[in-house]
Amino acid sequence: MDKPTTVDTYLAGFSGPARELLHQVVALIGRTVPSAAEAIKWGCPAWVHPSGTILFALSGHKAHANIVFTPSTREAFAPELSAYDTGKGSVKLPYGKPVPEELLARMMAYRVREHEEDGVKWM
C-alpha cells in the first residue's frame, strides 16, 4: 500500500468500526479547530496551527485509534482520562466504544490555547 498523502487517503485504508471512529474524530477536529490545516506527518493525519506548529495527530491501529497531544495537554486532563489508556501525550480510543467528544474538544481547545498563549510547540 502506498503511503497516504491526505487525511482522506489515510482514512480510506480502514473499514468498519475503525473507519467510523476515525471519521468521527476527524469531524470533531474540523468543528473544534476549523483553522487547523490537515497534513500527513510520520504517515499519519496531523492538524497544524496557522503558525506552522503541529497541534495534534491521529493514528489508527488494529483495535484502537490514538489521538496524540503534547504531554502537557494530556497531563492537564489526567484525572478525566483515568478510564483510558494513555501514553506520553496520547489517548487510546478503543474501536466500538463511544468517542469522548466533549472531553476531546476541551483538550483540543486547551492545546490551541497553550500554543497561542504560552508558546508551547510540538514535542
Protein backbone atom coordinates (compact mmCIF):
# COMPACT_ATOMS: atom_id res chain seq x y z
CA MET A 1 0.00 0.00 0.00
CA ASP A 2 1.25 3.48 -0.88
CA LYS A 3 1.83 5.94 1.91
CA PRO A 4 -1.16 8.26 2.33
CA THR A 5 -0.79 11.81 1.10
CA THR A 6 -4.04 13.19 2.55
CA VAL A 7 -6.23 12.53 5.55
CA ASP A 8 -8.89 11.11 3.22
CA THR A 9 -6.47 8.59 1.70
CA TYR A 10 -5.33 7.62 5.21
CA LEU A 11 -8.93 7.03 6.32
CA ALA A 12 -9.65 5.01 3.18
CA GLY A 13 -7.24 2.39 4.48
CA PHE A 14 -9.64 1.49 7.31
CA SER A 15 -13.06 -0.14 7.40
CA GLY A 16 -15.86 -0.89 9.84
CA PRO A 17 -15.64 0.42 13.40
CA ALA A 18 -12.11 1.74 12.83
CA ARG A 19 -13.16 3.94 9.92
CA GLU A 20 -16.27 5.11 11.81
CA LEU A 21 -14.28 6.18 14.86
CA LEU A 22 -11.55 7.86 12.82
CA HIS A 23 -14.14 9.78 10.77
CA GLN A 24 -15.90 10.83 13.97
CA VAL A 25 -12.66 12.22 15.44
CA VAL A 26 -11.73 13.97 12.18
CA ALA A 27 -15.18 15.61 12.07
CA LEU A 28 -14.81 16.70 15.70
CA ILE A 29 -11.46 18.27 14.91
CA GLY A 30 -12.99 20.15 11.97
CA ARG A 31 -15.75 21.54 14.18
CA THR A 32 -13.49 22.35 17.13
CA VAL A 33 -10.42 23.77 15.37
CA PRO A 34 -11.56 24.81 11.88
CA SER A 35 -8.46 26.98 11.37
CA ALA A 36 -6.12 23.97 11.66
CA ALA A 37 -4.76 22.60 8.40
CA GLU A 38 -4.78 18.87 7.74
CA ALA A 39 -1.40 17.30 6.98
CA ILE A 40 0.28 13.92 6.94
CA LYS A 41 3.16 13.69 9.43
CA TRP A 42 5.03 10.43 10.06
CA GLY A 43 2.49 8.71 7.81
CA CYS A 44 -0.50 9.76 9.95
CA PRO A 45 -3.01 12.61 9.96
CA ALA A 46 -1.96 15.69 11.90
CA TRP A 47 -3.50 19.11 12.35
CA VAL A 48 -1.32 22.15 12.09
CA HIS A 49 -1.91 25.61 13.56
CA PRO A 50 -1.73 28.52 11.08
CA SER A 51 1.65 29.35 12.68
CA GLY A 52 3.01 26.01 11.43
CA THR A 53 3.05 24.19 14.79
CA ILE A 54 1.52 20.73 14.99
CA LEU A 55 -1.45 20.73 17.36
CA PHE A 56 -2.29 17.01 17.48
CA ALA A 57 -2.11 13.83 15.44
CA LEU A 58 -4.32 10.80 14.92
CA SER A 59 -3.41 7.22 14.11
CA GLY A 60 -5.42 4.07 13.55
CA HIS A 61 -4.32 0.66 14.82
CA LYS A 62 -5.74 -2.86 14.93
CA ALA A 63 -8.10 -2.39 17.91
CA HIS A 64 -7.90 1.32 18.69
CA ALA A 65 -7.01 4.78 17.50
CA ASN A 66 -4.59 7.13 19.21
CA ILE A 67 -5.01 10.85 19.37
CA VAL A 68 -1.75 12.47 20.37
CA PHE A 69 -1.44 15.85 22.05
CA THR A 70 1.53 17.40 23.80
CA PRO A 71 2.37 15.78 27.14
CA SER A 72 1.31 19.00 28.88
CA THR A 73 -2.16 18.82 27.33
CA ARG A 74 -2.58 15.15 28.21
CA GLU A 75 -1.38 15.82 31.76
CA ALA A 76 -3.83 18.70 32.24
CA PHE A 77 -6.69 16.24 31.71
CA ALA A 78 -5.16 13.23 33.50
CA PRO A 79 -7.95 12.88 36.11
CA GLU A 80 -10.61 12.80 33.38
CA LEU A 81 -8.60 10.28 31.34
CA SER A 82 -8.39 7.66 34.08
CA ALA A 83 -10.74 5.33 32.16
CA TYR A 84 -8.45 5.40 29.09
CA ASP A 85 -5.03 4.01 28.36
CA THR A 86 -2.69 6.93 27.85
CA GLY A 87 0.92 7.49 26.90
CA LYS A 88 3.27 10.46 27.00
CA GLY A 89 0.79 12.60 25.07
CA SER A 90 -1.57 10.01 23.66
CA VAL A 91 -5.08 8.83 24.44
CA LYS A 92 -6.14 5.39 23.22
CA LEU A 93 -9.67 5.28 21.79
CA PRO A 94 -10.94 1.66 21.50
CA TYR A 95 -12.99 0.84 18.43
CA GLY A 96 -16.62 0.05 19.11
CA LYS A 97 -16.85 2.32 22.15
CA PRO A 98 -18.20 5.88 22.29
CA VAL A 99 -15.78 8.67 21.46
CA PRO A 100 -15.49 11.10 24.41
CA GLU A 101 -16.25 14.06 22.13
CA GLU A 102 -16.82 16.67 24.82
CA LEU A 103 -13.54 15.77 26.58
CA LEU A 104 -11.55 15.65 23.35
CA ALA A 105 -12.99 19.00 22.24
CA ARG A 106 -11.85 20.57 25.52
CA MET A 107 -8.41 19.00 25.09
CA MET A 108 -8.18 20.39 21.56
CA ALA A 109 -9.15 23.87 22.73
CA TYR A 110 -6.61 23.63 25.56
CA ARG A 111 -3.90 22.62 23.08
CA VAL A 112 -4.65 25.62 20.86
CA ARG A 113 -4.57 27.95 23.89
CA GLU A 114 -1.31 26.53 25.23
CA HIS A 115 0.30 27.12 21.85
CA GLU A 116 -1.14 30.60 21.24
CA GLU A 117 -0.80 31.95 24.79
CA ASP A 118 2.17 30.02 26.20
CA GLY A 119 4.12 29.28 23.02
CA VAL A 120 4.09 25.50 23.57
CA LYS A 121 5.44 23.85 20.43
CA TRP A 122 5.15 20.20 19.40
CA MET A 123 7.10 17.55 21.33
